[in-house]
Amino acid sequence: MAPGLPTAMDRPHFIGIGGAGMSGIAKILAQRGAKVAGSDARDSATAEALRALGVTVHLGHAAAHLADDASCVVVSSAIREDNPELRRAAELGIPVVHRSDALAALMDGLRPIAVAGTHGKTTTTSMLAVALTALGREPSYAIGGDLDAPGSNALHGAGEIFVAEADESDRSFHTYAPEVAIILNVELDHHANYASMEEIHESFETFVGRIVPGGTLVISADHEGARELTRRLDGSVRTVTYGESADADVKVLSVVPQGLKSEVTVELDGAPLTFTVSVPGRHYAHNAVAALAAGVALGVPAAELAPALAAYTGVKRRLQLKGEAAGVQVIDSYAHHPTEMTADLEAMRSAARDARILVVFQPHLFSRTRELGKEMGQALALADASLVLDVYPAREDPIPGVTSELIIEAARAAGADVTAVHDAAEIPGAVAGMAKPGDLVLTMGAGDVTDLGPRILDRLSK
């Protein structure tokens, strides 16, 4: 039986309640009986889904939105100190709780699986949540993206397992105490918070140190950053490696593309096991193997979990088909780091070998563009043609000299056909002028580029 409400979270107020991480925690608290309220900069389908659960969602940020009897105020690292609701909380003496602490409280008393890594967290968390649900395990879960509908990023389940995406970007994953932890890969990212790979490795080491006694670390045997992390560990945590490397504990023997699916064969406990992954690409197949290894570490039989993983058919913004018009398919990709961009473009090449791939790319964060703009441009060389928008700032202020031109120059140097587009309103017409029947169009990035998919489809249909 899942536990009830954490102490002092019976009347929480969320600042930025529409965000992927925040909305999931709000949803679980509401399902556990809390009186939840919050605010967000704009209305959204996620906000509407929360209202359907009885959550009060205010639009905009104002001190008056915070009720005097709120038991706590939940914030993410993106909330600035001058937020009027945060200031009001200080005046009223209402405790302020970081979202990671709120999530950790929700996992207390359960058997948590925390999914970490620079890339692939949302997909792997989703795979586990869907597979365990298909097996009737009734897990709770908190994911950084929606499965099949707005608000489907989280659920309060009646079972004992809690699957959570563990975010390293602000070191908030140090809060969790998982029974099983997954580390998919370790790369330098989030440059505003990490100055070097040494800092990244130290942060992941701290996360590993949070695994409960008797718990298990599931970690990639292929990714060099993950292998280096494994070498640095003191051996006090049971470690299960997975991948194609000869020394992997769960060895990937083959990944065979089958259209938009893959057939995966692994060697587990000395015996082969074959199952289907219902999304394309080798990296998604490896995510599924990580999910399999984690579930087995928690005691779920591999023979049951492997076929159940086929129930996962994708998560919004992770190579999500938005629609087709005039013979052109429009697909949405959340990829915003060069490794992710390369993986998604290679997956689409594998799934649709004869199609032209056209990309609408929106760089995310000035700091990331400054550090990885060259590599982003090189990744775009895998597409047949790309349109590059201005940098999406998210939580950052502009950095002098850092623009999408850094990416465009690198892409052209790599031989890519790339065009700068400074006004997003011009994108649908530009795509319509380029696309031909049989082409694939990817809207790519972590910002609001996702909103362009329906507008591109509408223009193509005319």
Protein backbone atom coordinates (compact mmCIF):
# COMPACT_ATOMS: atom_id res chain seq x y z
CA MET A 1 0.00 0.00 0.00
CA ALA A 2 1.39 3.38 -0.99
CA PRO A 3 1.82 5.90 1.82
CA GLY A 4 -0.33 8.97 2.30
CA LEU A 5 0.62 12.63 2.36
CA PRO A 6 4.06 13.72 3.50
CA THR A 7 4.04 15.90 6.60
CA ALA A 8 3.40 19.61 5.91
CA MET A 9 2.42 19.03 2.27
CA ASP A 10 -1.33 18.91 2.66
CA ARG A 11 -1.81 22.45 1.22
CA PRO A 12 1.15 23.06 -1.12
CA HIS A 13 1.50 25.99 -3.50
CA PHE A 14 3.63 25.41 -6.63
CA ILE A 15 5.35 28.31 -8.39
CA GLY A 16 5.62 27.24 -12.02
CA ILE A 17 3.11 24.43 -11.63
CA GLY A 18 2.83 23.83 -15.38
CA GLY A 19 6.42 22.62 -15.75
CA ALA A 20 7.09 18.96 -16.46
CA GLY A 21 8.67 18.18 -13.10
CA MET A 22 6.48 20.42 -10.99
CA SER A 23 3.17 19.33 -12.50
CA GLY A 24 3.95 15.67 -11.85
CA ILE A 25 4.56 16.22 -8.15
CA ALA A 26 1.43 18.40 -7.92
CA LYS A 27 -0.59 15.67 -9.59
CA ILE A 28 0.56 12.95 -7.20
CA LEU A 29 -0.11 15.14 -4.17
CA ALA A 30 -3.60 15.92 -5.45
CA GLN A 31 -4.26 12.22 -6.00
CA ARG A 32 -3.14 11.56 -2.41
CA GLY A 33 -5.70 14.05 -1.15
CA ALA A 34 -3.75 17.30 -0.80
CA LYS A 35 -5.36 20.67 -1.46
CA VAL A 36 -2.99 21.79 -4.23
CA ALA A 37 -2.66 25.25 -5.74
CA GLY A 38 -0.10 26.98 -7.90
CA SER A 39 0.67 29.45 -10.61
CA ASP A 40 2.21 29.44 -14.06
CA ALA A 41 3.15 32.05 -16.62
CA ARG A 42 0.59 30.83 -19.15
CA ASP A 43 -2.31 28.46 -19.51
CA SER A 44 -1.70 25.02 -21.00
CA ALA A 45 -3.17 21.57 -21.48
CA THR A 46 -1.14 20.47 -18.47
CA ALA A 47 -2.72 23.18 -16.33
CA GLU A 48 -6.16 22.09 -17.51
CA ALA A 49 -5.36 18.47 -16.61
CA LEU A 50 -4.39 19.62 -13.11
CA ARG A 51 -7.64 21.58 -12.76
CA ALA A 52 -9.52 18.38 -13.61
CA LEU A 53 -7.96 16.90 -10.45
CA GLY A 54 -9.22 19.80 -8.36
CA VAL A 55 -5.97 21.78 -8.43
CA THR A 56 -6.25 25.59 -8.38
CA VAL A 57 -4.04 27.02 -11.15
CA HIS A 58 -3.51 30.78 -11.30
CA LEU A 59 -2.19 32.43 -14.45
CA GLY A 60 0.74 34.79 -14.02
CA HIS A 61 2.73 35.35 -10.85
CA ALA A 62 1.34 37.60 -8.10
CA ALA A 63 1.62 37.70 -4.32
CA ALA A 64 -2.17 37.45 -4.04
CA HIS A 65 -2.10 33.98 -5.59
CA LEU A 66 -0.46 32.52 -2.48
CA ALA A 67 -3.04 31.59 0.14
CA ASP A 68 -2.19 32.61 3.69
CA ASP A 69 -2.82 29.05 4.93
CA ALA A 70 -0.53 27.31 2.41
CA SER A 71 1.51 24.64 4.21
CA CYS A 72 4.54 25.10 1.95
CA VAL A 73 5.68 26.66 -1.31
CA VAL A 74 7.29 24.32 -3.84
CA VAL A 75 9.86 25.77 -6.25
CA SER A 76 12.33 24.59 -8.87
CA SER A 77 15.79 25.99 -9.51
CA ALA A 78 14.31 28.08 -12.32
CA ILE A 79 12.33 30.29 -9.91
CA ARG A 80 14.10 33.57 -9.27
CA GLU A 81 14.37 35.18 -5.86
CA ASP A 82 12.36 38.23 -6.94
CA ASN A 83 9.26 36.13 -7.72
CA PRO A 84 6.36 37.88 -5.94
CA GLU A 85 4.91 34.64 -4.57
CA LEU A 86 8.29 33.61 -3.19
CA ARG A 87 8.64 37.00 -1.53
CA ARG A 88 5.15 36.66 -0.06
CA ALA A 89 6.05 33.24 1.34
CA ALA A 90 8.97 34.83 3.17
CA GLU A 91 6.70 37.52 4.61
CA LEU A 92 4.23 34.92 5.87
CA GLY A 93 6.92 32.53 7.12
CA ILE A 94 5.69 29.73 4.87
CA PRO A 95 8.36 27.04 4.33
CA VAL A 96 9.89 26.88 0.85
CA VAL A 97 10.55 23.37 -0.48
CA HIS A 98 12.60 22.49 -3.56
CA ARG A 99 10.77 20.19 -5.94
CA SER A 100 13.40 17.48 -5.44
CA ASP A 101 12.70 17.43 -1.70
CA ALA A 102 8.98 17.21 -2.41
CA LEU A 103 9.55 14.29 -4.76
CA ALA A 104 11.83 12.57 -2.26
CA ALA A 105 9.08 12.87 0.35
CA LEU A 106 6.62 11.22 -2.04
CA MET A 107 8.98 8.26 -2.50
CA ASP A 108 9.45 7.72 1.23
CA GLY A 109 8.27 4.27 2.31
CA LEU A 110 8.24 2.91 -1.25
CA ARG A 111 10.81 1.10 -3.41
CA PRO A 112 12.24 3.83 -5.65
CA ILE A 113 13.96 3.41 -9.00
CA ALA A 114 15.74 6.67 -9.89
CA VAL A 115 16.73 7.12 -13.53
CA ALA A 116 19.72 9.42 -14.12
CA GLY A 117 22.06 10.31 -16.97
CA THR A 118 22.77 13.14 -19.36
CA HIS A 119 20.42 11.71 -21.99
CA GLY A 120 17.54 9.26 -22.11
CA LYS A 121 16.08 9.74 -18.62
CA THR A 122 12.53 10.51 -19.70
CA THR A 123 12.38 7.61 -22.15
CA THR A 124 13.80 5.05 -19.74
CA THR A 125 11.58 6.21 -16.86
CA SER A 126 8.58 6.00 -19.18
CA MET A 127 9.51 2.51 -20.37
CA LEU A 128 9.63 1.25 -16.79
CA ALA A 129 6.40 2.98 -15.80
CA VAL A 130 4.50 1.60 -18.81
CA ALA A 131 5.92 -1.93 -18.52
CA LEU A 132 5.29 -2.21 -14.78
CA THR A 133 1.76 -0.89 -15.28
CA ALA A 134 1.16 -3.47 -18.03
CA LEU A 135 2.24 -6.16 -15.57
CA GLY A 136 -0.31 -4.98 -13.00
CA ARG A 137 2.34 -3.73 -10.56
CA GLU A 138 0.53 -0.35 -10.20
CA PRO A 139 3.68 1.76 -9.84
CA SER A 140 3.79 5.41 -8.92
CA TYR A 141 5.89 7.46 -11.30
CA ALA A 142 7.11 10.97 -12.02
CA ILE A 143 8.42 11.59 -15.53
CA GLY A 144 9.81 14.65 -17.30
CA GLY A 145 7.36 14.30 -20.18
CA ASP A 146 3.81 13.19 -20.96
CA LEU A 147 3.15 9.61 -22.04
CA ASP A 148 -0.06 9.86 -24.04
CA ALA A 149 -2.02 12.89 -22.84
CA PRO A 150 -1.41 16.18 -21.01
CA GLY A 151 -0.85 15.44 -17.33
CA SER A 152 0.17 11.82 -17.89
CA ASN A 153 3.68 12.53 -16.63
CA ALA A 154 2.89 11.25 -13.16
CA LEU A 155 0.62 8.90 -11.25
CA HIS A 156 -0.02 7.87 -7.68
CA GLY A 157 -0.17 4.09 -7.86
CA ALA A 158 -1.25 1.54 -5.28
CA GLY A 159 1.88 -0.58 -5.70
CA GLU A 160 5.19 -0.48 -3.82
CA ILE A 161 7.41 0.69 -6.71
CA PHE A 162 8.06 4.37 -7.49
CA VAL A 163 9.86 5.18 -10.74
CA ALA A 164 11.30 8.69 -10.93
CA GLU A 165 13.37 10.70 -13.36
CA ALA A 166 16.41 12.01 -11.46
CA ASP A 167 17.65 15.39 -12.71
CA GLU A 168 21.36 16.10 -12.44
CA SER A 169 21.16 19.60 -13.94
CA ASP A 170 21.04 21.38 -10.57
CA ARG A 171 22.35 18.49 -8.43
CA SER A 172 18.82 17.94 -7.11
CA PHE A 173 19.16 14.18 -7.64
CA HIS A 174 21.36 14.14 -4.53
CA THR A 175 18.10 14.31 -2.55
CA TYR A 176 16.86 10.84 -3.50
CA ALA A 177 17.61 7.54 -1.78
CA PRO A 178 16.78 4.92 -4.42
CA GLU A 179 16.79 1.17 -4.02
CA VAL A 180 17.83 0.94 -7.66
CA ALA A 181 19.57 3.71 -9.58
CA ILE A 182 20.11 3.80 -13.34
CA ILE A 183 22.90 5.86 -14.90
CA LEU A 184 22.54 5.83 -18.68
CA ASN A 185 25.50 8.05 -19.59
CA VAL A 186 27.67 10.80 -18.15
CA GLU A 187 28.60 13.85 -20.24
CA LEU A 188 29.33 17.51 -19.64
CA ASP A 189 26.14 19.55 -19.89
CA HIS A 190 24.34 22.24 -17.86
CA HIS A 191 27.33 24.51 -18.13
CA ALA A 192 25.83 27.14 -15.84
CA ASN A 193 26.08 24.65 -12.96
CA TYR A 194 29.06 22.45 -13.90
CA ALA A 195 32.46 23.80 -14.92
CA SER A 196 34.14 20.50 -15.79
CA MET A 197 33.76 16.76 -16.23
CA GLU A 198 35.39 16.39 -12.82
CA GLU A 199 32.46 18.23 -11.26
CA ILE A 200 30.02 16.09 -13.23
CA HIS A 201 31.66 12.87 -12.04
CA GLU A 202 31.74 14.08 -8.45
CA SER A 203 28.03 14.89 -8.67
CA PHE A 204 27.16 11.44 -10.03
CA GLU A 205 29.36 9.82 -7.36
CA THR A 206 27.31 11.61 -4.71
CA PHE A 207 24.13 10.29 -6.36
CA VAL A 208 25.48 6.74 -6.30
CA GLY A 209 26.33 7.21 -2.63
CA ARG A 210 22.64 7.84 -1.97
CA ILE A 211 21.62 4.31 -3.02
CA VAL A 212 20.23 2.54 0.04
CA PRO A 213 22.25 -0.31 1.63
CA GLY A 214 21.64 -3.48 -0.34
CA GLY A 215 20.53 -1.50 -3.39
CA THR A 216 21.77 -1.73 -6.96
CA LEU A 217 23.38 0.57 -9.50
CA VAL A 218 22.55 -0.18 -13.16
CA ILE A 219 25.03 1.61 -15.41
CA SER A 220 26.12 1.62 -19.06
CA ALA A 221 29.15 -0.49 -19.94
CA ASP A 222 29.54 1.29 -23.30
CA HIS A 223 29.51 4.99 -22.55
CA GLU A 224 32.98 6.23 -21.64
CA GLY A 225 31.73 8.74 -19.08
CA ALA A 226 29.76 5.99 -17.35
CA ARG A 227 32.70 3.59 -17.48
CA GLU A 228 34.93 6.23 -15.89
CA LEU A 229 32.36 6.71 -13.15
CA THR A 230 32.29 2.95 -12.52
CA ARG A 231 36.08 2.92 -12.22
CA ARG A 232 35.89 5.66 -9.61
CA LEU A 233 33.43 3.83 -7.35
CA ASP A 234 34.70 2.03 -4.28
CA GLY A 235 32.74 -1.18 -4.86
CA SER A 236 30.43 -0.74 -1.88
CA VAL A 237 27.33 -0.71 -4.11
CA ARG A 238 26.22 -3.74 -6.11
CA THR A 239 26.73 -2.73 -9.75
CA VAL A 240 25.12 -4.23 -12.85
CA THR A 241 26.47 -3.06 -16.20
CA TYR A 242 24.65 -3.31 -19.51
CA GLY A 243 25.54 -2.73 -23.16
CA GLU A 244 27.42 -4.17 -26.09
CA SER A 245 30.81 -4.26 -24.36
CA ALA A 246 32.26 -7.72 -23.86
CA ASP A 247 32.42 -7.23 -20.09
CA ALA A 248 28.79 -6.11 -19.67
CA ASP A 249 26.74 -8.05 -17.10
CA VAL A 250 23.64 -7.72 -19.29
CA LYS A 251 25.11 -7.96 -22.76
CA VAL A 252 23.31 -6.59 -25.81
CA LEU A 253 23.85 -9.23 -28.48
CA SER A 254 21.94 -7.52 -31.28
CA VAL A 255 19.60 -4.67 -32.16
CA VAL A 256 17.76 -5.38 -35.41
CA PRO A 257 15.74 -2.50 -36.95
CA GLN A 258 12.20 -3.45 -37.96
CA GLY A 259 10.74 -0.26 -39.42
CA LEU A 260 9.79 1.96 -36.48
CA LYS A 261 10.56 -0.87 -34.04
CA SER A 262 13.63 -2.85 -33.00
CA GLU A 263 14.16 -6.47 -32.04
CA VAL A 264 16.63 -6.66 -29.17
CA THR A 265 18.47 -9.74 -27.96
CA VAL A 266 20.38 -9.69 -24.69
CA GLU A 267 22.31 -12.24 -22.69
CA LEU A 268 21.03 -12.26 -19.12
CA ASP A 269 22.27 -14.77 -16.52
CA GLY A 270 23.97 -16.73 -19.29
CA ALA A 271 20.85 -17.15 -21.44
CA PRO A 272 19.61 -15.21 -24.48
CA LEU A 273 16.42 -13.18 -24.21
CA THR A 274 14.73 -11.49 -27.19
CA PHE A 275 12.08 -8.78 -27.01
CA THR A 276 10.64 -5.93 -29.06
CA VAL A 277 11.09 -2.20 -28.51
CA SER A 278 8.29 -0.27 -30.17
CA VAL A 279 10.38 2.81 -31.04
CA PRO A 280 13.26 3.06 -33.52
CA GLY A 281 16.94 3.56 -32.84
CA ARG A 282 19.80 1.78 -31.08
CA HIS A 283 19.85 4.30 -28.22
CA TYR A 284 16.20 3.59 -27.40
CA ALA A 285 16.97 -0.14 -27.46
CA HIS A 286 19.74 0.44 -24.91
CA ASN A 287 17.32 2.46 -22.76
CA ALA A 288 15.01 -0.55 -22.75
CA VAL A 289 17.84 -2.84 -21.68
CA ALA A 290 18.65 -0.49 -18.80
CA ALA A 291 14.98 -0.58 -17.79
CA LEU A 292 15.02 -4.38 -17.97
CA ALA A 293 18.11 -4.64 -15.77
CA ALA A 294 16.65 -2.24 -13.20
CA GLY A 295 13.35 -4.09 -12.98
CA VAL A 296 15.15 -7.40 -12.55
CA ALA A 297 17.28 -5.86 -9.78
CA LEU A 298 14.05 -4.97 -8.01
CA GLY A 299 12.78 -8.53 -8.32
CA VAL A 300 10.58 -8.39 -11.41
CA PRO A 301 11.14 -11.58 -13.49
CA ALA A 302 12.95 -10.84 -16.75
CA ALA A 303 10.68 -13.20 -18.67
CA GLU A 304 7.70 -11.03 -17.68
CA LEU A 305 9.30 -7.60 -17.93
CA ALA A 306 10.98 -8.03 -21.33
CA PRO A 307 7.77 -8.53 -23.37
CA ALA A 308 5.98 -5.89 -21.28
CA LEU A 309 8.51 -3.28 -22.45
CA ALA A 310 6.90 -3.49 -25.90
CA ALA A 311 3.87 -1.73 -24.37
CA TYR A 312 5.89 1.48 -24.43
CA THR A 313 5.15 3.26 -27.71
CA GLY A 314 6.75 6.61 -27.01
CA VAL A 315 6.51 9.75 -24.95
CA LYS A 316 5.57 13.19 -26.14
CA ARG A 317 8.47 15.09 -27.74
CA ARG A 318 10.66 11.97 -28.06
CA LEU A 319 10.42 11.28 -31.81
CA GLN A 320 6.67 11.83 -31.54
CA LEU A 321 4.73 11.72 -34.80
CA LYS A 322 2.67 14.91 -34.88
CA GLY A 323 0.89 14.09 -38.13
CA GLU A 324 1.16 13.86 -41.91
CA ALA A 325 0.11 16.28 -44.63
CA ALA A 326 0.83 16.32 -48.37
CA GLY A 327 2.83 13.11 -47.95
CA VAL A 328 5.16 14.72 -45.40
CA GLN A 329 5.46 13.38 -41.84
CA VAL A 330 6.18 15.88 -39.05
CA ILE A 331 7.97 14.45 -36.01
CA ASP A 332 8.83 16.24 -32.77
CA SER A 333 12.20 15.69 -31.08
CA TYR A 334 13.24 17.02 -27.67
CA ALA A 335 16.92 16.59 -28.58
CA HIS A 336 18.94 19.67 -27.58
CA HIS A 337 22.39 18.24 -26.82
CA PRO A 338 24.63 17.11 -29.71
CA THR A 339 24.61 13.49 -28.53
CA GLU A 340 20.81 13.46 -28.46
CA MET A 341 20.57 15.22 -31.82
CA THR A 342 22.89 12.69 -33.43
CA ALA A 343 21.04 9.74 -31.89
CA ASP A 344 17.61 10.92 -33.06
CA LEU A 345 18.82 11.74 -36.58
CA GLU A 346 20.54 8.35 -36.86
CA ALA A 347 17.36 6.66 -35.59
CA MET A 348 15.30 8.35 -38.28
CA ARG A 349 17.85 7.38 -40.95
CA SER A 350 17.60 3.77 -39.80
CA ALA A 351 13.80 3.78 -39.71
CA ALA A 352 13.24 5.57 -43.03
CA ARG A 353 16.31 5.00 -45.18
CA ASP A 354 15.01 6.57 -48.39
CA ALA A 355 13.38 9.66 -46.87
CA ARG A 356 14.84 13.15 -46.90
CA ILE A 357 15.19 14.50 -43.37
CA LEU A 358 14.51 18.21 -42.85
CA VAL A 359 15.17 19.70 -39.41
CA VAL A 360 13.80 22.81 -37.71
CA PHE A 361 16.26 23.28 -34.85
CA GLN A 362 15.98 25.67 -31.94
CA PRO A 363 19.08 25.89 -29.71
CA HIS A 364 18.30 25.75 -25.99
CA LEU A 365 20.19 27.95 -23.50
CA PHE A 366 22.97 30.41 -24.26
CA SER A 367 25.46 28.57 -22.05
CA ARG A 368 24.89 25.28 -23.86
CA THR A 369 25.16 27.00 -27.25
CA ARG A 370 28.44 28.65 -26.23
CA GLU A 371 29.98 25.36 -25.11
CA LEU A 372 28.47 22.92 -27.62
CA GLY A 373 27.43 25.03 -30.62
CA LYS A 374 30.13 23.50 -32.84
CA GLU A 375 29.00 19.97 -32.01
CA MET A 376 25.34 20.92 -32.59
CA GLY A 377 26.24 22.16 -36.04
CA GLN A 378 28.12 18.96 -36.81
CA ALA A 379 25.09 16.94 -35.74
CA LEU A 380 22.87 18.89 -38.15
CA ALA A 381 25.10 17.70 -40.98
CA LEU A 382 23.26 14.36 -40.63
CA ALA A 383 20.09 16.02 -41.96
CA ASP A 384 19.47 16.81 -45.62
CA ALA A 385 18.62 20.41 -44.77
CA SER A 386 18.05 22.44 -41.61
CA LEU A 387 16.41 25.67 -40.54
CA VAL A 388 17.96 27.11 -37.36
CA LEU A 389 16.05 29.46 -35.07
CA ASP A 390 17.42 31.90 -32.51
CA VAL A 391 18.52 30.58 -29.12
CA TYR A 392 15.66 29.79 -26.71
CA PRO A 393 16.80 31.45 -23.46
CA ALA A 394 14.63 29.53 -20.95
CA ARG A 395 15.97 30.56 -17.53
CA GLU A 396 19.11 32.33 -18.81
CA ASP A 397 20.00 35.89 -19.72
CA PRO A 398 21.76 36.47 -23.08
CA ILE A 399 25.52 36.03 -23.27
CA PRO A 400 27.29 38.60 -25.49
CA GLY A 401 28.41 37.05 -28.76
CA VAL A 402 26.48 33.81 -28.28
CA THR A 403 23.86 33.32 -30.99
CA SER A 404 22.64 30.53 -33.23
CA GLU A 405 25.20 31.74 -35.78
CA LEU A 406 27.80 29.66 -33.88
CA ILE A 407 25.84 26.55 -34.81
CA ILE A 408 25.18 27.65 -38.38
CA GLU A 409 28.87 28.31 -39.07
CA ALA A 410 29.85 24.90 -37.70
CA ALA A 411 27.09 23.18 -39.69
CA ARG A 412 28.20 24.80 -42.95
CA ALA A 413 31.83 23.91 -42.20
CA ALA A 414 30.65 20.29 -41.90
CA GLY A 415 28.98 20.49 -45.30
CA ALA A 416 25.42 20.94 -44.07
CA ASP A 417 22.65 22.75 -45.92
CA VAL A 418 21.50 25.15 -43.19
CA THR A 419 19.53 28.40 -43.14
CA ALA A 420 19.00 30.89 -40.33
CA VAL A 421 15.39 31.85 -39.56
CA HIS A 422 14.97 34.57 -36.95
CA ASP A 423 11.17 34.71 -36.92
CA ALA A 424 9.40 31.46 -36.00
CA ALA A 425 6.32 32.65 -37.88
CA GLU A 426 8.26 32.16 -41.13
CA ILE A 427 8.98 28.48 -40.45
CA PRO A 428 5.74 26.89 -41.75
CA GLY A 429 6.07 28.65 -45.09
CA ALA A 430 9.76 27.87 -45.35
CA VAL A 431 9.17 24.18 -44.66
CA ALA A 432 6.29 24.05 -47.14
CA GLY A 433 8.62 25.47 -49.77
CA MET A 434 11.25 22.80 -49.10
CA ALA A 435 9.31 19.63 -48.32
CA LYS A 436 8.28 17.05 -50.89
CA PRO A 437 6.10 13.93 -50.53
CA GLY A 438 8.01 11.25 -48.64
CA ASP A 439 10.09 13.71 -46.60
CA LEU A 440 10.37 13.70 -42.81
CA VAL A 441 10.36 17.02 -40.93
CA LEU A 442 11.80 17.09 -37.40
CA THR A 443 11.05 19.98 -35.08
CA MET A 444 14.00 19.66 -32.69
CA GLY A 445 14.87 21.34 -29.40
CA ALA A 446 13.78 21.71 -25.78
CA GLY A 447 12.04 25.08 -26.18
CA ASP A 448 8.79 26.14 -27.83
CA VAL A 449 9.83 24.81 -31.24
CA THR A 450 7.40 21.99 -30.45
CA ASP A 451 4.54 24.43 -31.07
CA LEU A 452 5.53 24.69 -34.75
CA GLY A 453 4.55 21.12 -35.65
CA PRO A 454 0.79 21.73 -35.97
CA ARG A 455 1.42 25.00 -37.81
CA ILE A 456 3.71 23.25 -40.30
CA LEU A 457 1.10 20.55 -40.88
CA ASP A 458 -1.59 23.17 -41.39
CA ARG A 459 0.52 24.98 -43.99
CA LEU A 460 1.43 21.75 -45.80
CA SER A 461 -2.23 20.77 -46.06
CA LYS A 462 -3.13 23.96 -48.00
